[in-house]
Amino acid sequence: MAITPDVKNWTWVVEKPCPDCGFDPAGVEFGQIPDLVRANAARWPAVLARTDVAVRPDDRTWSALEYGAHVRDVFRIFRERLELMLTETDPAFANWDQDATAVAENYGAQDPGVVSTELVAAADEIADAFAAVPGDALDRRGLRSDGSAFTVRTLAVYFLHDPVHHLHDVRG
């Protein structure tokens, strides 16, 4: 079953709460990001150990395994984007088509144990990267392919919403 790609612009989550998952950017301080990432990642192994992990709940929704593989890749992609922001001036991020990646990497057929291990490792890496950001770098900018500009601070909040939202999606 093919999933209809999500083409919504989610950048608004840096300014107002998400009505679906309850994520509220106003309650997130930059210094909390590493611990919040690790806490989120700690909940995924139980999700990925479910017996029905590869079963899609309906024709329009990824399975918990597909969401887990996606979150693992979100951790990896945003680690790269953070590094670009810290080492380049106003870098432009390459477009990442999450839906094409899910198909190309066959998320639904990946080993849930491997995805779980890789997700936690990728979470640790990005948590460490956010923890190492010096205070004077929080306003460094990066640009999405659609022209949306982020600072390190707003990128962190935008990024954090994704795994929080997807844990909500899988009722983790």
N, C-alpha and C. Protein backbone atom coordinates (compact mmCIF):
# COMPACT_ATOMS: atom_id res chain seq x y z
N MET A 1 0.83 -1.19 0.00
CA MET A 1 0.00 0.00 0.00
C MET A 1 0.88 1.24 0.00
N ALA A 2 0.62 2.10 -0.91
CA ALA A 2 1.35 3.36 -0.95
C ALA A 2 0.68 4.36 -0.01
N ILE A 3 1.50 5.11 0.70
CA ILE A 3 1.00 6.14 1.61
C ILE A 3 1.00 7.47 0.86
N THR A 4 -0.04 8.25 1.04
CA THR A 4 -0.07 9.58 0.44
C THR A 4 0.98 10.44 1.14
N PRO A 5 1.91 11.02 0.39
CA PRO A 5 2.97 11.83 1.01
C PRO A 5 2.41 13.01 1.81
N ASP A 6 3.08 13.30 2.91
CA ASP A 6 2.74 14.46 3.74
C ASP A 6 3.46 15.67 3.17
N VAL A 7 2.71 16.60 2.64
CA VAL A 7 3.32 17.78 2.02
C VAL A 7 3.07 19.05 2.84
N LYS A 8 2.58 18.88 4.07
CA LYS A 8 2.32 20.05 4.92
C LYS A 8 3.63 20.71 5.34
N ASN A 9 3.58 22.00 5.50
CA ASN A 9 4.70 22.76 6.02
C ASN A 9 4.53 22.82 7.54
N TRP A 10 5.38 22.12 8.26
CA TRP A 10 5.27 21.99 9.71
C TRP A 10 6.07 23.05 10.46
N THR A 11 6.62 24.04 9.78
CA THR A 11 7.48 25.01 10.47
C THR A 11 6.75 25.80 11.55
N TRP A 12 5.42 25.84 11.50
CA TRP A 12 4.64 26.56 12.51
C TRP A 12 4.83 25.98 13.91
N VAL A 13 5.34 24.75 14.01
CA VAL A 13 5.48 24.13 15.35
C VAL A 13 6.54 24.80 16.20
N VAL A 14 7.33 25.71 15.64
CA VAL A 14 8.29 26.44 16.47
C VAL A 14 7.62 27.60 17.20
N GLU A 15 6.38 27.91 16.81
CA GLU A 15 5.70 29.07 17.39
C GLU A 15 4.43 28.75 18.18
N LYS A 16 3.78 27.64 17.87
CA LYS A 16 2.53 27.34 18.56
C LYS A 16 2.39 25.84 18.80
N PRO A 17 1.57 25.48 19.77
CA PRO A 17 1.41 24.06 20.10
C PRO A 17 0.80 23.25 18.95
N CYS A 18 1.16 21.99 18.91
CA CYS A 18 0.60 21.07 17.93
C CYS A 18 -0.71 20.52 18.49
N PRO A 19 -1.81 20.74 17.79
CA PRO A 19 -3.09 20.27 18.29
C PRO A 19 -3.23 18.74 18.28
N ASP A 20 -2.39 18.06 17.50
CA ASP A 20 -2.47 16.60 17.41
C ASP A 20 -1.74 15.91 18.56
N CYS A 21 -0.47 16.27 18.76
CA CYS A 21 0.34 15.56 19.76
C CYS A 21 0.52 16.31 21.07
N GLY A 22 0.14 17.60 21.08
CA GLY A 22 0.26 18.40 22.29
C GLY A 22 1.61 19.05 22.51
N PHE A 23 2.56 18.84 21.60
CA PHE A 23 3.88 19.46 21.73
C PHE A 23 3.71 20.97 21.79
N ASP A 24 4.34 21.59 22.80
CA ASP A 24 4.25 23.04 22.97
C ASP A 24 5.66 23.64 22.98
N PRO A 25 6.03 24.34 21.92
CA PRO A 25 7.38 24.89 21.84
C PRO A 25 7.69 25.90 22.94
N ALA A 26 6.67 26.55 23.47
CA ALA A 26 6.89 27.54 24.52
C ALA A 26 7.46 26.91 25.79
N GLY A 27 7.23 25.64 25.97
CA GLY A 27 7.72 24.95 27.16
C GLY A 27 9.08 24.30 27.00
N VAL A 28 9.74 24.54 25.88
CA VAL A 28 11.02 23.88 25.61
C VAL A 28 12.16 24.90 25.63
N GLU A 29 13.07 24.71 26.54
CA GLU A 29 14.30 25.51 26.58
C GLU A 29 15.39 24.74 25.83
N PHE A 30 16.26 25.46 25.14
CA PHE A 30 17.29 24.81 24.34
C PHE A 30 18.10 23.81 25.17
N GLY A 31 18.43 24.15 26.39
CA GLY A 31 19.24 23.27 27.22
C GLY A 31 18.57 21.95 27.57
N GLN A 32 17.25 21.87 27.39
CA GLN A 32 16.52 20.63 27.66
C GLN A 32 16.56 19.65 26.49
N ILE A 33 16.92 20.12 25.32
CA ILE A 33 16.83 19.31 24.11
C ILE A 33 17.54 17.95 24.25
N PRO A 34 18.79 17.89 24.70
CA PRO A 34 19.44 16.57 24.79
C PRO A 34 18.67 15.58 25.65
N ASP A 35 18.21 16.01 26.82
CA ASP A 35 17.48 15.09 27.69
C ASP A 35 16.13 14.70 27.10
N LEU A 36 15.47 15.64 26.44
CA LEU A 36 14.18 15.33 25.81
C LEU A 36 14.34 14.34 24.66
N VAL A 37 15.42 14.48 23.90
CA VAL A 37 15.69 13.54 22.80
C VAL A 37 15.95 12.15 23.37
N ARG A 38 16.77 12.07 24.40
CA ARG A 38 17.08 10.76 24.99
C ARG A 38 15.84 10.12 25.63
N ALA A 39 15.02 10.92 26.26
CA ALA A 39 13.79 10.39 26.87
C ALA A 39 12.85 9.86 25.79
N ASN A 40 12.75 10.57 24.69
CA ASN A 40 11.91 10.11 23.59
C ASN A 40 12.47 8.80 23.03
N ALA A 41 13.76 8.76 22.77
CA ALA A 41 14.38 7.56 22.20
C ALA A 41 14.24 6.35 23.11
N ALA A 42 14.24 6.58 24.42
CA ALA A 42 14.13 5.47 25.37
C ALA A 42 12.77 4.77 25.29
N ARG A 43 11.78 5.44 24.73
CA ARG A 43 10.45 4.84 24.62
C ARG A 43 10.27 4.02 23.34
N TRP A 44 11.12 4.24 22.35
CA TRP A 44 10.97 3.56 21.07
C TRP A 44 11.27 2.06 21.11
N PRO A 45 12.24 1.56 21.88
CA PRO A 45 12.48 0.11 21.88
C PRO A 45 11.23 -0.72 22.24
N ALA A 46 10.43 -0.24 23.18
CA ALA A 46 9.20 -0.97 23.52
C ALA A 46 8.22 -0.96 22.35
N VAL A 47 8.13 0.17 21.67
CA VAL A 47 7.26 0.26 20.49
C VAL A 47 7.73 -0.72 19.42
N LEU A 48 9.04 -0.74 19.19
CA LEU A 48 9.59 -1.57 18.12
C LEU A 48 9.66 -3.05 18.49
N ALA A 49 9.36 -3.38 19.73
CA ALA A 49 9.31 -4.78 20.17
C ALA A 49 7.89 -5.36 20.09
N ARG A 50 6.93 -4.56 19.73
CA ARG A 50 5.54 -5.05 19.63
C ARG A 50 5.43 -6.15 18.57
N THR A 51 4.54 -7.08 18.81
CA THR A 51 4.35 -8.17 17.85
C THR A 51 3.74 -7.68 16.54
N ASP A 52 2.99 -6.59 16.60
CA ASP A 52 2.35 -6.06 15.39
C ASP A 52 3.11 -4.85 14.82
N VAL A 53 4.39 -4.75 15.11
CA VAL A 53 5.18 -3.57 14.76
C VAL A 53 5.16 -3.24 13.27
N ALA A 54 5.04 -4.24 12.42
CA ALA A 54 5.09 -4.02 10.98
C ALA A 54 3.70 -3.90 10.34
N VAL A 55 2.67 -3.91 11.15
CA VAL A 55 1.30 -3.85 10.63
C VAL A 55 0.82 -2.41 10.57
N ARG A 56 0.38 -2.01 9.40
CA ARG A 56 -0.19 -0.67 9.25
C ARG A 56 -1.62 -0.67 9.81
N PRO A 57 -1.96 0.34 10.61
CA PRO A 57 -3.31 0.38 11.19
C PRO A 57 -4.40 0.64 10.16
N ASP A 58 -4.04 1.26 9.05
CA ASP A 58 -4.98 1.49 7.96
C ASP A 58 -4.17 1.82 6.70
N ASP A 59 -4.87 2.04 5.60
CA ASP A 59 -4.20 2.26 4.32
C ASP A 59 -3.49 3.59 4.19
N ARG A 60 -3.70 4.49 5.14
CA ARG A 60 -3.13 5.84 5.05
C ARG A 60 -2.02 6.09 6.08
N THR A 61 -1.72 5.09 6.91
CA THR A 61 -0.84 5.31 8.05
C THR A 61 0.31 4.31 8.07
N TRP A 62 1.52 4.83 8.30
CA TRP A 62 2.67 3.95 8.45
C TRP A 62 2.51 3.03 9.65
N SER A 63 3.21 1.92 9.60
CA SER A 63 3.31 1.03 10.76
C SER A 63 4.27 1.64 11.79
N ALA A 64 4.25 1.11 12.99
CA ALA A 64 5.18 1.58 14.02
C ALA A 64 6.63 1.37 13.57
N LEU A 65 6.89 0.29 12.85
CA LEU A 65 8.23 0.04 12.33
C LEU A 65 8.65 1.13 11.34
N GLU A 66 7.74 1.50 10.44
CA GLU A 66 8.06 2.55 9.48
C GLU A 66 8.29 3.88 10.18
N TYR A 67 7.46 4.19 11.18
CA TYR A 67 7.68 5.42 11.95
C TYR A 67 9.03 5.37 12.68
N GLY A 68 9.37 4.22 13.25
CA GLY A 68 10.65 4.10 13.95
C GLY A 68 11.83 4.31 13.03
N ALA A 69 11.77 3.72 11.83
CA ALA A 69 12.85 3.91 10.85
C ALA A 69 12.94 5.37 10.43
N HIS A 70 11.77 6.00 10.28
CA HIS A 70 11.75 7.41 9.92
C HIS A 70 12.38 8.26 11.03
N VAL A 71 12.01 8.01 12.28
CA VAL A 71 12.56 8.79 13.39
C VAL A 71 14.07 8.59 13.48
N ARG A 72 14.54 7.37 13.29
CA ARG A 72 15.99 7.13 13.25
C ARG A 72 16.64 8.03 12.21
N ASP A 73 16.04 8.10 11.02
CA ASP A 73 16.61 8.91 9.95
C ASP A 73 16.47 10.40 10.23
N VAL A 74 15.41 10.80 10.90
CA VAL A 74 15.27 12.20 11.32
C VAL A 74 16.43 12.57 12.24
N PHE A 75 16.74 11.70 13.20
CA PHE A 75 17.88 11.97 14.09
C PHE A 75 19.16 12.14 13.27
N ARG A 76 19.36 11.31 12.29
CA ARG A 76 20.57 11.38 11.48
C ARG A 76 20.61 12.64 10.61
N ILE A 77 19.51 12.94 9.93
CA ILE A 77 19.43 14.09 9.03
C ILE A 77 19.64 15.40 9.80
N PHE A 78 18.99 15.51 10.96
CA PHE A 78 19.11 16.75 11.71
C PHE A 78 20.48 16.88 12.37
N ARG A 79 21.13 15.79 12.64
CA ARG A 79 22.53 15.85 13.12
C ARG A 79 23.39 16.48 12.04
N GLU A 80 23.18 16.06 10.79
CA GLU A 80 23.93 16.64 9.67
C GLU A 80 23.60 18.12 9.50
N ARG A 81 22.33 18.47 9.62
CA ARG A 81 21.93 19.86 9.44
C ARG A 81 22.51 20.74 10.55
N LEU A 82 22.50 20.25 11.77
CA LEU A 82 23.09 21.00 12.87
C LEU A 82 24.58 21.23 12.61
N GLU A 83 25.26 20.21 12.18
CA GLU A 83 26.70 20.34 11.88
C GLU A 83 26.93 21.40 10.80
N LEU A 84 26.11 21.39 9.76
CA LEU A 84 26.24 22.41 8.71
C LEU A 84 26.06 23.81 9.29
N MET A 85 25.07 23.98 10.14
CA MET A 85 24.80 25.29 10.72
C MET A 85 25.95 25.78 11.59
N LEU A 86 26.65 24.85 12.22
CA LEU A 86 27.74 25.22 13.11
C LEU A 86 29.06 25.44 12.38
N THR A 87 29.15 24.93 11.15
CA THR A 87 30.43 25.03 10.45
C THR A 87 30.39 25.90 9.19
N GLU A 88 29.19 26.20 8.69
CA GLU A 88 29.06 27.02 7.49
C GLU A 88 28.22 28.26 7.79
N THR A 89 28.32 29.24 6.94
CA THR A 89 27.50 30.44 7.07
C THR A 89 26.24 30.28 6.23
N ASP A 90 25.10 30.36 6.89
CA ASP A 90 23.79 30.25 6.24
C ASP A 90 23.71 29.10 5.23
N PRO A 91 24.01 27.87 5.66
CA PRO A 91 23.95 26.75 4.71
C PRO A 91 22.52 26.49 4.25
N ALA A 92 22.41 25.98 3.03
CA ALA A 92 21.12 25.54 2.49
C ALA A 92 21.06 24.03 2.66
N PHE A 93 19.98 23.56 3.25
CA PHE A 93 19.82 22.12 3.47
C PHE A 93 19.31 21.46 2.20
N ALA A 94 19.89 20.34 1.87
CA ALA A 94 19.38 19.55 0.75
C ALA A 94 17.96 19.10 1.10
N ASN A 95 17.09 19.07 0.11
CA ASN A 95 15.74 18.60 0.34
C ASN A 95 15.77 17.12 0.68
N TRP A 96 14.98 16.73 1.65
CA TRP A 96 14.86 15.32 2.04
C TRP A 96 13.42 14.90 1.86
N ASP A 97 13.19 13.99 0.96
CA ASP A 97 11.85 13.46 0.72
C ASP A 97 11.67 12.23 1.60
N GLN A 98 11.03 12.43 2.74
CA GLN A 98 10.88 11.34 3.70
C GLN A 98 10.08 10.18 3.14
N ASP A 99 9.11 10.46 2.29
CA ASP A 99 8.28 9.40 1.73
C ASP A 99 9.05 8.58 0.70
N ALA A 100 9.84 9.24 -0.13
CA ALA A 100 10.67 8.52 -1.09
C ALA A 100 11.71 7.67 -0.36
N THR A 101 12.25 8.20 0.73
CA THR A 101 13.23 7.45 1.52
C THR A 101 12.59 6.20 2.11
N ALA A 102 11.37 6.34 2.62
CA ALA A 102 10.66 5.20 3.21
C ALA A 102 10.49 4.08 2.19
N VAL A 103 10.19 4.44 0.96
CA VAL A 103 10.02 3.44 -0.10
C VAL A 103 11.38 2.87 -0.51
N ALA A 104 12.34 3.75 -0.78
CA ALA A 104 13.65 3.32 -1.26
C ALA A 104 14.37 2.43 -0.24
N GLU A 105 14.20 2.76 1.03
CA GLU A 105 14.88 2.00 2.09
C GLU A 105 14.01 0.86 2.63
N ASN A 106 12.80 0.73 2.08
CA ASN A 106 11.89 -0.34 2.47
C ASN A 106 11.71 -0.41 3.99
N TYR A 107 11.34 0.73 4.56
CA TYR A 107 11.19 0.83 6.02
C TYR A 107 10.38 -0.30 6.61
N GLY A 108 9.30 -0.69 5.95
CA GLY A 108 8.40 -1.69 6.51
C GLY A 108 8.96 -3.09 6.59
N ALA A 109 10.08 -3.34 5.91
CA ALA A 109 10.69 -4.67 5.93
C ALA A 109 11.99 -4.70 6.73
N GLN A 110 12.35 -3.59 7.35
CA GLN A 110 13.59 -3.57 8.12
C GLN A 110 13.43 -4.36 9.42
N ASP A 111 14.53 -4.81 9.96
CA ASP A 111 14.52 -5.57 11.21
C ASP A 111 14.24 -4.62 12.37
N PRO A 112 13.15 -4.84 13.11
CA PRO A 112 12.81 -3.92 14.20
C PRO A 112 13.89 -3.80 15.28
N GLY A 113 14.60 -4.89 15.55
CA GLY A 113 15.67 -4.83 16.54
C GLY A 113 16.82 -3.95 16.08
N VAL A 114 17.15 -4.04 14.81
CA VAL A 114 18.21 -3.20 14.25
C VAL A 114 17.76 -1.74 14.25
N VAL A 115 16.52 -1.50 13.83
CA VAL A 115 16.00 -0.13 13.82
C VAL A 115 16.03 0.45 15.23
N SER A 116 15.65 -0.34 16.22
CA SER A 116 15.64 0.11 17.61
C SER A 116 17.05 0.51 18.06
N THR A 117 18.02 -0.35 17.79
CA THR A 117 19.40 -0.07 18.18
C THR A 117 19.94 1.16 17.47
N GLU A 118 19.67 1.27 16.17
CA GLU A 118 20.15 2.40 15.39
C GLU A 118 19.46 3.70 15.81
N LEU A 119 18.18 3.63 16.13
CA LEU A 119 17.43 4.81 16.55
C LEU A 119 18.02 5.36 17.85
N VAL A 120 18.25 4.50 18.82
CA VAL A 120 18.80 4.95 20.10
C VAL A 120 20.21 5.52 19.91
N ALA A 121 21.02 4.89 19.08
CA ALA A 121 22.38 5.39 18.82
C ALA A 121 22.33 6.75 18.13
N ALA A 122 21.45 6.90 17.14
CA ALA A 122 21.33 8.17 16.44
C ALA A 122 20.81 9.26 17.37
N ALA A 123 19.91 8.90 18.28
CA ALA A 123 19.40 9.86 19.26
C ALA A 123 20.52 10.33 20.18
N ASP A 124 21.35 9.40 20.62
CA ASP A 124 22.49 9.78 21.48
C ASP A 124 23.43 10.73 20.75
N GLU A 125 23.66 10.47 19.46
CA GLU A 125 24.56 11.33 18.69
C GLU A 125 24.01 12.75 18.56
N ILE A 126 22.73 12.88 18.24
CA ILE A 126 22.20 14.24 18.09
C ILE A 126 22.03 14.91 19.44
N ALA A 127 21.71 14.14 20.47
CA ALA A 127 21.62 14.72 21.81
C ALA A 127 22.98 15.27 22.23
N ASP A 128 24.03 14.50 21.99
CA ASP A 128 25.39 14.97 22.30
C ASP A 128 25.74 16.21 21.48
N ALA A 129 25.33 16.22 20.22
CA ALA A 129 25.63 17.37 19.35
C ALA A 129 24.93 18.62 19.86
N PHE A 130 23.66 18.51 20.25
CA PHE A 130 22.95 19.67 20.80
C PHE A 130 23.57 20.10 22.13
N ALA A 131 23.99 19.15 22.94
CA ALA A 131 24.60 19.48 24.23
C ALA A 131 25.91 20.24 24.06
N ALA A 132 26.59 20.01 22.95
CA ALA A 132 27.90 20.63 22.71
C ALA A 132 27.81 22.00 22.03
N VAL A 133 26.62 22.43 21.68
CA VAL A 133 26.47 23.72 20.99
C VAL A 133 26.82 24.85 21.96
N PRO A 134 27.78 25.68 21.60
CA PRO A 134 28.11 26.81 22.48
C PRO A 134 26.98 27.86 22.45
N GLY A 135 26.81 28.55 23.54
CA GLY A 135 25.75 29.55 23.67
C GLY A 135 25.78 30.62 22.60
N ASP A 136 26.97 30.96 22.14
CA ASP A 136 27.05 32.02 21.13
C ASP A 136 26.73 31.52 19.71
N ALA A 137 26.37 30.25 19.58
CA ALA A 137 26.03 29.70 18.26
C ALA A 137 24.52 29.50 18.08
N LEU A 138 23.73 29.81 19.09
CA LEU A 138 22.29 29.53 19.02
C LEU A 138 21.55 30.31 17.94
N ASP A 139 22.11 31.42 17.50
CA ASP A 139 21.45 32.22 16.48
C ASP A 139 22.02 32.01 15.08
N ARG A 140 22.94 31.05 14.94
CA ARG A 140 23.45 30.72 13.59
C ARG A 140 22.29 30.19 12.77
N ARG A 141 22.30 30.51 11.47
CA ARG A 141 21.15 30.18 10.62
C ARG A 141 21.44 29.05 9.64
N GLY A 142 20.34 28.43 9.20
CA GLY A 142 20.34 27.45 8.13
C GLY A 142 19.04 27.61 7.36
N LEU A 143 19.06 27.25 6.08
CA LEU A 143 17.91 27.48 5.22
C LEU A 143 17.41 26.19 4.59
N ARG A 144 16.11 25.97 4.70
CA ARG A 144 15.49 24.84 4.02
C ARG A 144 15.34 25.16 2.54
N SER A 145 15.13 24.14 1.75
CA SER A 145 15.00 24.33 0.30
C SER A 145 13.79 25.19 -0.07
N ASP A 146 12.79 25.27 0.82
CA ASP A 146 11.62 26.11 0.53
C ASP A 146 11.81 27.55 1.00
N GLY A 147 13.01 27.86 1.49
CA GLY A 147 13.32 29.21 1.92
C GLY A 147 13.12 29.46 3.40
N SER A 148 12.53 28.52 4.12
CA SER A 148 12.34 28.69 5.56
C SER A 148 13.70 28.78 6.24
N ALA A 149 13.85 29.80 7.09
CA ALA A 149 15.11 30.00 7.81
C ALA A 149 14.95 29.52 9.25
N PHE A 150 15.97 28.86 9.73
CA PHE A 150 16.02 28.40 11.11
C PHE A 150 17.27 28.95 11.77
N THR A 151 17.21 29.17 13.06
CA THR A 151 18.41 29.34 13.86
C THR A 151 18.67 27.98 14.51
N VAL A 152 19.82 27.82 15.11
CA VAL A 152 20.09 26.56 15.81
C VAL A 152 18.99 26.32 16.86
N ARG A 153 18.59 27.38 17.53
CA ARG A 153 17.56 27.28 18.57
C ARG A 153 16.21 26.82 17.98
N THR A 154 15.77 27.44 16.88
CA THR A 154 14.47 27.07 16.31
C THR A 154 14.55 25.72 15.58
N LEU A 155 15.71 25.39 15.02
CA LEU A 155 15.87 24.07 14.41
C LEU A 155 15.69 22.99 15.47
N ALA A 156 16.24 23.23 16.65
CA ALA A 156 16.13 22.24 17.73
C ALA A 156 14.68 21.97 18.09
N VAL A 157 13.89 23.03 18.19
CA VAL A 157 12.47 22.88 18.54
C VAL A 157 11.71 22.21 17.41
N TYR A 158 11.95 22.66 16.19
CA TYR A 158 11.31 22.06 15.02
C TYR A 158 11.63 20.57 14.95
N PHE A 159 12.89 20.23 15.11
CA PHE A 159 13.35 18.85 15.09
C PHE A 159 12.68 18.03 16.19
N LEU A 160 12.66 18.55 17.41
CA LEU A 160 12.13 17.79 18.54
C LEU A 160 10.67 17.41 18.35
N HIS A 161 9.91 18.29 17.71
CA HIS A 161 8.50 17.99 17.48
C HIS A 161 8.33 16.68 16.71
N ASP A 162 9.21 16.40 15.76
CA ASP A 162 9.03 15.23 14.90
C ASP A 162 9.00 13.92 15.69
N PRO A 163 10.03 13.59 16.47
CA PRO A 163 9.96 12.32 17.22
C PRO A 163 8.86 12.32 18.28
N VAL A 164 8.57 13.48 18.87
CA VAL A 164 7.47 13.56 19.84
C VAL A 164 6.15 13.24 19.14
N HIS A 165 5.94 13.86 18.00
CA HIS A 165 4.69 13.65 17.25
C HIS A 165 4.56 12.19 16.81
N HIS A 166 5.64 11.61 16.35
CA HIS A 166 5.55 10.24 15.86
C HIS A 166 5.40 9.22 16.98
N LEU A 167 5.93 9.51 18.14
CA LEU A 167 5.68 8.63 19.29
C LEU A 167 4.19 8.68 19.63
N HIS A 168 3.60 9.86 19.52
CA HIS A 168 2.15 10.01 19.70
C HIS A 168 1.42 9.20 18.62
N ASP A 169 1.89 9.28 17.38
CA ASP A 169 1.25 8.55 16.27
C ASP A 169 1.16 7.05 16.55
N VAL A 170 2.21 6.50 17.17
CA VAL A 170 2.25 5.05 17.43
C VAL A 170 1.77 4.70 18.84
N ARG A 171 1.28 5.71 19.54
CA ARG A 171 0.76 5.54 20.91
C ARG A 171 1.82 4.96 21.82
N GLY A 172 3.05 5.51 21.68
CA GLY A 172 4.21 5.01 22.44
C GLY A 172 4.23 5.43 23.83
